[in-house]
Amino acid sequence: MAEARRPQLPESWLQVLGPEFDEPYMKELRAFLAEEKREHVVFPPGPDIFAAFAPVGFEAVRVVLLGQDPYHGPGQAHGLCFSVRRGVEIPPSLRNIYKELQSDLGIPPRAHGALGAWARQGVLLLNTTLTVRAHVANSHRERGWERFTDRVIFELERRRSGLVFVLWGAAAGRKASMIDASRHLVLTAPHPSPLSANKGFFGRRPFSTINRWLTERGEAPINWDPDAPPTPT
């Protein structure tokens, strides 16, 4: 069982989430994924499933940006919600995020969709469901991932204070009830997908709102430019 517990999560996360990998639901989820992979293509690739946790340790999280499930097109999903690697065409949801970013902070859309610069500054780029069948959105819904990401939110909510939880879309928004808004900032909005972005995603100015919260708490703001250089250590 130890081998199953430690594939890709950094130690700071395993200290908090390690017991989850011994739960019966996780065993069932692994069996489901194994069966899916025998008959279908599953995204992201196995080594990238927990990639959201790699750039930011548990104690380094400042913002939790929560989406729905991974992109389901070839070459898109790589474990960070809404992000794609350089060289991959920018998906429509991310194009809408870039539009809001420009409207909010004046940062023009970049020619790539890699959001690692956000993650390196303490933004946990997480989906509510961490895998998906190729070309079938929501295909791995209610198979166990929601329970795992519930645990992530629960542990961050109770062990940390002053975090920002950004919940985009209905699946992410359902986790709002888990968060004490007197201790954390909770921002909700429709999903940035073209199917829902015009229903209230645009115009909420989340990026400036997050930075205002952080600076009021004496913390450095996030540089939301996807081309932001690494923060000096």
C-alpha atoms as a PDB file:
ATOM      1  CA  MET A   1       0.000   0.000   0.000  1.00  0.00           C
ATOM      2  CA  ALA A   2       2.909   2.361   0.659  1.00  0.00           C
ATOM      3  CA  GLU A   3       3.813   2.242  -3.042  1.00  0.00           C
ATOM      4  CA  ALA A   4       0.301   3.437  -3.932  1.00  0.00           C
ATOM      5  CA  ARG A   5       0.483   6.301  -1.442  1.00  0.00           C
ATOM      6  CA  ARG A   6       3.604   8.066  -2.659  1.00  0.00           C
ATOM      7  CA  PRO A   7       3.643   8.366  -6.446  1.00  0.00           C
ATOM      8  CA  GLN A   8       3.671  12.124  -7.088  1.00  0.00           C
ATOM      9  CA  LEU A   9       2.718  14.123  -3.986  1.00  0.00           C
ATOM     10  CA  PRO A  10       5.445  16.130  -2.251  1.00  0.00           C
ATOM     11  CA  GLU A  11       6.124  15.321   1.377  1.00  0.00           C
ATOM     12  CA  SER A  12       4.359  18.411   2.759  1.00  0.00           C
ATOM     13  CA  TRP A  13       1.141  17.223   1.132  1.00  0.00           C
ATOM     14  CA  LEU A  14       1.609  13.566   2.042  1.00  0.00           C
ATOM     15  CA  GLN A  15       1.864  14.545   5.698  1.00  0.00           C
ATOM     16  CA  VAL A  16      -1.649  15.968   5.416  1.00  0.00           C
ATOM     17  CA  LEU A  17      -3.283  13.815   2.746  1.00  0.00           C
ATOM     18  CA  GLY A  18      -1.401  10.534   3.018  1.00  0.00           C
ATOM     19  CA  PRO A  19      -4.137   8.674   4.944  1.00  0.00           C
ATOM     20  CA  GLU A  20      -6.615   9.389   2.145  1.00  0.00           C
ATOM     21  CA  PHE A  21      -4.723   7.027  -0.143  1.00  0.00           C
ATOM     22  CA  ASP A  22      -5.514   4.131   2.202  1.00  0.00           C
ATOM     23  CA  GLU A  23      -9.258   4.801   2.207  1.00  0.00           C
ATOM     24  CA  PRO A  24     -11.540   2.259   0.461  1.00  0.00           C
ATOM     25  CA  TYR A  25     -12.869   4.869  -1.956  1.00  0.00           C
ATOM     26  CA  MET A  26      -9.350   5.516  -3.222  1.00  0.00           C
ATOM     27  CA  LYS A  27      -8.826   1.818  -3.876  1.00  0.00           C
ATOM     28  CA  GLU A  28     -12.093   1.818  -5.842  1.00  0.00           C
ATOM     29  CA  LEU A  29     -10.981   4.906  -7.742  1.00  0.00           C
ATOM     30  CA  ARG A  30      -7.679   3.289  -8.707  1.00  0.00           C
ATOM     31  CA  ALA A  31      -9.542   0.226  -9.950  1.00  0.00           C
ATOM     32  CA  PHE A  32     -11.906   2.419 -11.974  1.00  0.00           C
ATOM     33  CA  LEU A  33      -9.000   4.277 -13.563  1.00  0.00           C
ATOM     34  CA  ALA A  34      -7.231   1.041 -14.419  1.00  0.00           C
ATOM     35  CA  GLU A  35     -10.369  -0.218 -16.153  1.00  0.00           C
ATOM     36  CA  GLU A  36     -10.847   3.091 -17.991  1.00  0.00           C
ATOM     37  CA  LYS A  37      -7.296   3.022 -19.293  1.00  0.00           C
ATOM     38  CA  ARG A  38      -7.798  -0.461 -20.698  1.00  0.00           C
ATOM     39  CA  GLU A  39     -10.594   0.773 -22.970  1.00  0.00           C
ATOM     40  CA  HIS A  40     -10.133   4.537 -23.313  1.00  0.00           C
ATOM     41  CA  VAL A  41      -7.582   7.312 -23.312  1.00  0.00           C
ATOM     42  CA  VAL A  42      -7.495   9.133 -19.972  1.00  0.00           C
ATOM     43  CA  PHE A  43      -6.169  12.645 -19.353  1.00  0.00           C
ATOM     44  CA  PRO A  44      -3.899  13.841 -17.926  1.00  0.00           C
ATOM     45  CA  PRO A  45      -1.163  11.197 -18.173  1.00  0.00           C
ATOM     46  CA  GLY A  46      -0.581   9.320 -14.923  1.00  0.00           C
ATOM     47  CA  PRO A  47       2.523  11.258 -13.820  1.00  0.00           C
ATOM     48  CA  ASP A  48       0.593  14.549 -14.165  1.00  0.00           C
ATOM     49  CA  ILE A  49      -2.529  13.626 -12.187  1.00  0.00           C
ATOM     50  CA  PHE A  50      -1.239  15.231  -8.981  1.00  0.00           C
ATOM     51  CA  ALA A  51       0.929  17.850 -10.695  1.00  0.00           C
ATOM     52  CA  ALA A  52      -0.985  20.736  -9.079  1.00  0.00           C
ATOM     53  CA  PHE A  53       0.680  19.921  -5.758  1.00  0.00           C
ATOM     54  CA  ALA A  54       4.264  19.894  -7.028  1.00  0.00           C
ATOM     55  CA  PRO A  55       4.983  23.660  -7.400  1.00  0.00           C
ATOM     56  CA  VAL A  56       3.461  24.766  -4.092  1.00  0.00           C
ATOM     57  CA  GLY A  57       3.872  23.145  -0.682  1.00  0.00           C
ATOM     58  CA  PHE A  58       0.994  22.906   1.767  1.00  0.00           C
ATOM     59  CA  GLU A  59       2.232  25.805   3.892  1.00  0.00           C
ATOM     60  CA  ALA A  60       3.025  27.902   0.803  1.00  0.00           C
ATOM     61  CA  VAL A  61      -0.535  27.944  -0.574  1.00  0.00           C
ATOM     62  CA  ARG A  62      -2.007  31.433  -0.651  1.00  0.00           C
ATOM     63  CA  VAL A  63      -4.748  31.053  -3.264  1.00  0.00           C
ATOM     64  CA  VAL A  64      -6.784  27.993  -4.231  1.00  0.00           C
ATOM     65  CA  LEU A  65      -8.119  28.283  -7.780  1.00  0.00           C
ATOM     66  CA  LEU A  66     -10.630  25.494  -8.262  1.00  0.00           C
ATOM     67  CA  GLY A  67     -12.049  24.412 -11.602  1.00  0.00           C
ATOM     68  CA  GLN A  68     -14.171  21.486 -12.777  1.00  0.00           C
ATOM     69  CA  ASP A  69     -12.274  18.666 -14.485  1.00  0.00           C
ATOM     70  CA  PRO A  70      -9.225  18.506 -16.773  1.00  0.00           C
ATOM     71  CA  TYR A  71      -9.272  19.480 -20.413  1.00  0.00           C
ATOM     72  CA  HIS A  72     -10.308  16.437 -22.434  1.00  0.00           C
ATOM     73  CA  GLY A  73      -8.516  17.112 -25.712  1.00  0.00           C
ATOM     74  CA  PRO A  74      -5.207  15.508 -26.698  1.00  0.00           C
ATOM     75  CA  GLY A  75      -2.136  17.215 -25.265  1.00  0.00           C
ATOM     76  CA  GLN A  76      -4.067  19.730 -23.179  1.00  0.00           C
ATOM     77  CA  ALA A  77      -4.339  18.574 -19.565  1.00  0.00           C
ATOM     78  CA  HIS A  78      -1.146  18.474 -17.538  1.00  0.00           C
ATOM     79  CA  GLY A  79      -2.458  18.593 -13.989  1.00  0.00           C
ATOM     80  CA  LEU A  80      -2.835  22.347 -13.400  1.00  0.00           C
ATOM     81  CA  CYS A  81      -6.405  23.567 -13.808  1.00  0.00           C
ATOM     82  CA  PHE A  82      -7.012  25.803 -16.834  1.00  0.00           C
ATOM     83  CA  SER A  83      -3.332  25.567 -17.839  1.00  0.00           C
ATOM     84  CA  VAL A  84      -1.797  23.995 -20.932  1.00  0.00           C
ATOM     85  CA  ARG A  85       1.871  23.597 -21.730  1.00  0.00           C
ATOM     86  CA  ARG A  86       3.648  26.001 -24.052  1.00  0.00           C
ATOM     87  CA  GLY A  87       3.054  25.099 -27.678  1.00  0.00           C
ATOM     88  CA  VAL A  88      -0.484  23.843 -27.037  1.00  0.00           C
ATOM     89  CA  GLU A  89      -3.325  25.949 -28.438  1.00  0.00           C
ATOM     90  CA  ILE A  90      -4.957  28.038 -25.728  1.00  0.00           C
ATOM     91  CA  PRO A  91      -8.383  26.554 -24.881  1.00  0.00           C
ATOM     92  CA  PRO A  92     -11.496  28.773 -24.940  1.00  0.00           C
ATOM     93  CA  SER A  93     -11.880  28.782 -21.137  1.00  0.00           C
ATOM     94  CA  LEU A  94      -8.364  30.107 -20.677  1.00  0.00           C
ATOM     95  CA  ARG A  95      -8.891  32.688 -23.418  1.00  0.00           C
ATOM     96  CA  ASN A  96     -11.807  34.011 -21.379  1.00  0.00           C
ATOM     97  CA  ILE A  97      -9.669  34.045 -18.235  1.00  0.00           C
ATOM     98  CA  TYR A  98      -7.091  36.068 -20.142  1.00  0.00           C
ATOM     99  CA  LYS A  99      -9.814  38.493 -21.269  1.00  0.00           C
ATOM    100  CA  GLU A 100     -10.857  39.038 -17.661  1.00  0.00           C
ATOM    101  CA  LEU A 101      -7.233  39.397 -16.604  1.00  0.00           C
ATOM    102  CA  GLN A 102      -6.706  42.123 -19.188  1.00  0.00           C
ATOM    103  CA  SER A 103      -9.915  43.914 -18.215  1.00  0.00           C
ATOM    104  CA  ASP A 104      -9.041  43.685 -14.515  1.00  0.00           C
ATOM    105  CA  LEU A 105      -5.285  44.361 -14.408  1.00  0.00           C
ATOM    106  CA  GLY A 106      -4.379  45.413 -17.947  1.00  0.00           C
ATOM    107  CA  ILE A 107      -2.221  42.329 -18.555  1.00  0.00           C
ATOM    108  CA  PRO A 108      -2.605  41.444 -22.247  1.00  0.00           C
ATOM    109  CA  PRO A 109      -3.307  37.853 -23.267  1.00  0.00           C
ATOM    110  CA  ARG A 110      -0.154  35.834 -23.695  1.00  0.00           C
ATOM    111  CA  ALA A 111       0.638  33.631 -26.655  1.00  0.00           C
ATOM    112  CA  HIS A 112       0.812  30.546 -24.443  1.00  0.00           C
ATOM    113  CA  GLY A 113      -1.409  28.998 -21.778  1.00  0.00           C
ATOM    114  CA  ALA A 114       1.165  27.827 -19.228  1.00  0.00           C
ATOM    115  CA  LEU A 115       0.174  29.014 -15.746  1.00  0.00           C
ATOM    116  CA  GLY A 116       3.135  27.663 -13.816  1.00  0.00           C
ATOM    117  CA  ALA A 117       4.144  31.211 -12.885  1.00  0.00           C
ATOM    118  CA  TRP A 118       0.935  31.473 -10.845  1.00  0.00           C
ATOM    119  CA  ALA A 119       1.548  28.153  -9.123  1.00  0.00           C
ATOM    120  CA  ARG A 120       5.099  29.111  -8.148  1.00  0.00           C
ATOM    121  CA  GLN A 121       3.685  32.112  -6.266  1.00  0.00           C
ATOM    122  CA  GLY A 122       1.391  30.010  -4.112  1.00  0.00           C
ATOM    123  CA  VAL A 123      -1.660  29.504  -6.335  1.00  0.00           C
ATOM    124  CA  LEU A 124      -2.914  25.916  -6.094  1.00  0.00           C
ATOM    125  CA  LEU A 125      -4.388  25.208  -9.541  1.00  0.00           C
ATOM    126  CA  LEU A 126      -6.750  22.369  -8.714  1.00  0.00           C
ATOM    127  CA  ASN A 127      -9.743  20.742 -10.366  1.00  0.00           C
ATOM    128  CA  THR A 128     -12.576  19.118  -8.411  1.00  0.00           C
ATOM    129  CA  THR A 129     -12.028  15.970 -10.519  1.00  0.00           C
ATOM    130  CA  LEU A 130      -8.441  15.109 -11.435  1.00  0.00           C
ATOM    131  CA  THR A 131      -8.940  12.855 -14.460  1.00  0.00           C
ATOM    132  CA  VAL A 132     -11.246  12.635 -17.475  1.00  0.00           C
ATOM    133  CA  ARG A 133     -11.893  10.331 -20.424  1.00  0.00           C
ATOM    134  CA  ALA A 134     -10.719  11.744 -23.724  1.00  0.00           C
ATOM    135  CA  HIS A 135     -13.337  13.954 -25.406  1.00  0.00           C
ATOM    136  CA  VAL A 136     -15.967  13.327 -22.670  1.00  0.00           C
ATOM    137  CA  ALA A 137     -16.296  16.144 -20.131  1.00  0.00           C
ATOM    138  CA  ASN A 138     -17.378  15.119 -16.623  1.00  0.00           C
ATOM    139  CA  SER A 139     -16.815  11.445 -17.465  1.00  0.00           C
ATOM    140  CA  HIS A 140     -14.978  10.782 -14.177  1.00  0.00           C
ATOM    141  CA  ARG A 141     -17.431  12.699 -12.041  1.00  0.00           C
ATOM    142  CA  GLU A 142     -18.624  11.039  -8.810  1.00  0.00           C
ATOM    143  CA  ARG A 143     -16.013   8.295  -8.944  1.00  0.00           C
ATOM    144  CA  GLY A 144     -14.147   9.451  -5.847  1.00  0.00           C
ATOM    145  CA  TRP A 145     -12.131  12.468  -6.877  1.00  0.00           C
ATOM    146  CA  GLU A 146     -14.622  14.867  -5.314  1.00  0.00           C
ATOM    147  CA  ARG A 147     -14.051  13.221  -1.942  1.00  0.00           C
ATOM    148  CA  PHE A 148     -10.304  13.607  -2.341  1.00  0.00           C
ATOM    149  CA  THR A 149     -10.523  17.279  -3.306  1.00  0.00           C
ATOM    150  CA  ASP A 150     -13.006  17.832  -0.478  1.00  0.00           C
ATOM    151  CA  ARG A 151     -10.229  16.636   1.819  1.00  0.00           C
ATOM    152  CA  VAL A 152      -7.761  19.050   0.261  1.00  0.00           C
ATOM    153  CA  ILE A 153     -10.145  21.957   0.870  1.00  0.00           C
ATOM    154  CA  PHE A 154     -10.986  20.736   4.376  1.00  0.00           C
ATOM    155  CA  GLU A 155      -7.346  20.514   5.448  1.00  0.00           C
ATOM    156  CA  LEU A 156      -6.410  23.882   3.977  1.00  0.00           C
ATOM    157  CA  GLU A 157      -9.494  25.508   5.484  1.00  0.00           C
ATOM    158  CA  ARG A 158      -8.883  24.235   9.008  1.00  0.00           C
ATOM    159  CA  ARG A 159      -5.082  24.298   9.195  1.00  0.00           C
ATOM    160  CA  ARG A 160      -4.477  27.626   7.471  1.00  0.00           C
ATOM    161  CA  SER A 161      -5.977  31.108   7.780  1.00  0.00           C
ATOM    162  CA  GLY A 162      -6.376  34.010   5.395  1.00  0.00           C
ATOM    163  CA  LEU A 163      -6.428  31.962   2.205  1.00  0.00           C
ATOM    164  CA  VAL A 164      -8.304  32.917  -0.945  1.00  0.00           C
ATOM    165  CA  PHE A 165     -10.594  30.277  -2.434  1.00  0.00           C
ATOM    166  CA  VAL A 166     -11.596  31.012  -6.041  1.00  0.00           C
ATOM    167  CA  LEU A 167     -14.401  28.679  -7.093  1.00  0.00           C
ATOM    168  CA  TRP A 168     -15.237  28.790 -10.790  1.00  0.00           C
ATOM    169  CA  GLY A 169     -18.235  26.786 -11.975  1.00  0.00           C
ATOM    170  CA  ALA A 170     -20.964  24.813 -10.239  1.00  0.00           C
ATOM    171  CA  ALA A 171     -18.780  21.851  -9.278  1.00  0.00           C
ATOM    172  CA  ALA A 172     -16.248  24.104  -7.579  1.00  0.00           C
ATOM    173  CA  GLY A 173     -18.943  26.309  -6.079  1.00  0.00           C
ATOM    174  CA  ARG A 174     -20.415  23.396  -4.162  1.00  0.00           C
ATOM    175  CA  LYS A 175     -17.323  23.419  -1.966  1.00  0.00           C
ATOM    176  CA  ALA A 176     -18.071  26.924  -0.706  1.00  0.00           C
ATOM    177  CA  SER A 177     -20.096  25.505   2.192  1.00  0.00           C
ATOM    178  CA  MET A 178     -16.915  23.895   3.525  1.00  0.00           C
ATOM    179  CA  ILE A 179     -15.122  27.233   3.925  1.00  0.00           C
ATOM    180  CA  ASP A 180     -15.438  29.661   6.832  1.00  0.00           C
ATOM    181  CA  ALA A 181     -15.762  33.025   5.103  1.00  0.00           C
ATOM    182  CA  SER A 182     -14.890  34.812   8.339  1.00  0.00           C
ATOM    183  CA  ARG A 183     -11.375  33.339   8.137  1.00  0.00           C
ATOM    184  CA  HIS A 184     -10.838  33.134   4.387  1.00  0.00           C
ATOM    185  CA  LEU A 185     -11.846  35.043   1.262  1.00  0.00           C
ATOM    186  CA  VAL A 186     -14.240  33.071  -0.947  1.00  0.00           C
ATOM    187  CA  LEU A 187     -14.825  34.194  -4.547  1.00  0.00           C
ATOM    188  CA  THR A 188     -17.346  32.358  -6.705  1.00  0.00           C
ATOM    189  CA  ALA A 189     -18.271  32.825 -10.355  1.00  0.00           C
ATOM    190  CA  PRO A 190     -19.655  30.882 -13.307  1.00  0.00           C
ATOM    191  CA  HIS A 191     -17.168  28.725 -15.162  1.00  0.00           C
ATOM    192  CA  PRO A 192     -15.104  30.628 -17.776  1.00  0.00           C
ATOM    193  CA  SER A 193     -16.166  28.187 -20.505  1.00  0.00           C
ATOM    194  CA  PRO A 194     -17.863  29.876 -23.470  1.00  0.00           C
ATOM    195  CA  LEU A 195     -21.006  28.016 -22.413  1.00  0.00           C
ATOM    196  CA  SER A 196     -21.249  29.964 -19.159  1.00  0.00           C
ATOM    197  CA  ALA A 197     -18.781  32.857 -19.110  1.00  0.00           C
ATOM    198  CA  ASN A 198     -21.392  35.364 -20.247  1.00  0.00           C
ATOM    199  CA  LYS A 199     -23.601  34.396 -17.306  1.00  0.00           C
ATOM    200  CA  GLY A 200     -21.486  36.332 -14.820  1.00  0.00           C
ATOM    201  CA  PHE A 201     -17.848  35.336 -15.125  1.00  0.00           C
ATOM    202  CA  PHE A 202     -16.770  38.563 -16.771  1.00  0.00           C
ATOM    203  CA  GLY A 203     -16.489  41.763 -14.788  1.00  0.00           C
ATOM    204  CA  ARG A 204     -15.907  40.312 -11.317  1.00  0.00           C
ATOM    205  CA  ARG A 205     -12.266  41.453 -11.202  1.00  0.00           C
ATOM    206  CA  PRO A 206     -11.008  38.458  -9.208  1.00  0.00           C
ATOM    207  CA  PHE A 207      -7.323  39.143  -9.737  1.00  0.00           C
ATOM    208  CA  SER A 208      -7.329  42.649  -8.270  1.00  0.00           C
ATOM    209  CA  THR A 209      -9.660  41.494  -5.488  1.00  0.00           C
ATOM    210  CA  ILE A 210      -7.216  38.742  -4.521  1.00  0.00           C
ATOM    211  CA  ASN A 211      -4.260  41.113  -4.529  1.00  0.00           C
ATOM    212  CA  ARG A 212      -6.114  43.665  -2.443  1.00  0.00           C
ATOM    213  CA  TRP A 213      -6.888  40.953   0.144  1.00  0.00           C
ATOM    214  CA  LEU A 214      -3.271  39.815   0.224  1.00  0.00           C
ATOM    215  CA  THR A 215      -1.781  43.293   0.543  1.00  0.00           C
ATOM    216  CA  GLU A 216      -4.238  44.237   3.279  1.00  0.00           C
ATOM    217  CA  ARG A 217      -2.891  41.245   5.187  1.00  0.00           C
ATOM    218  CA  GLY A 218       0.699  42.372   4.675  1.00  0.00           C
ATOM    219  CA  GLU A 219       1.460  39.768   2.006  1.00  0.00           C
ATOM    220  CA  ALA A 220       2.980  40.270  -1.414  1.00  0.00           C
ATOM    221  CA  PRO A 221       0.449  40.378  -4.244  1.00  0.00           C
ATOM    222  CA  ILE A 222       0.402  37.754  -6.969  1.00  0.00           C
ATOM    223  CA  ASN A 223       2.019  38.754 -10.248  1.00  0.00           C
ATOM    224  CA  TRP A 224      -0.733  37.436 -12.510  1.00  0.00           C
ATOM    225  CA  ASP A 225       1.309  37.801 -15.692  1.00  0.00           C
ATOM    226  CA  PRO A 226       1.753  34.224 -17.001  1.00  0.00           C
ATOM    227  CA  ASP A 227       5.227  35.368 -18.090  1.00  0.00           C
ATOM    228  CA  ALA A 228       6.170  36.499 -14.579  1.00  0.00           C
ATOM    229  CA  PRO A 229       9.790  35.586 -13.759  1.00  0.00           C
ATOM    230  CA  PRO A 230      10.487  33.202 -10.892  1.00  0.00           C
ATOM    231  CA  THR A 231      10.369  34.857  -7.488  1.00  0.00           C
ATOM    232  CA  PRO A 232      13.889  35.218  -6.026  1.00  0.00           C
ATOM    233  CA  THR A 233      14.536  32.863  -3.101  1.00  0.00           C
END
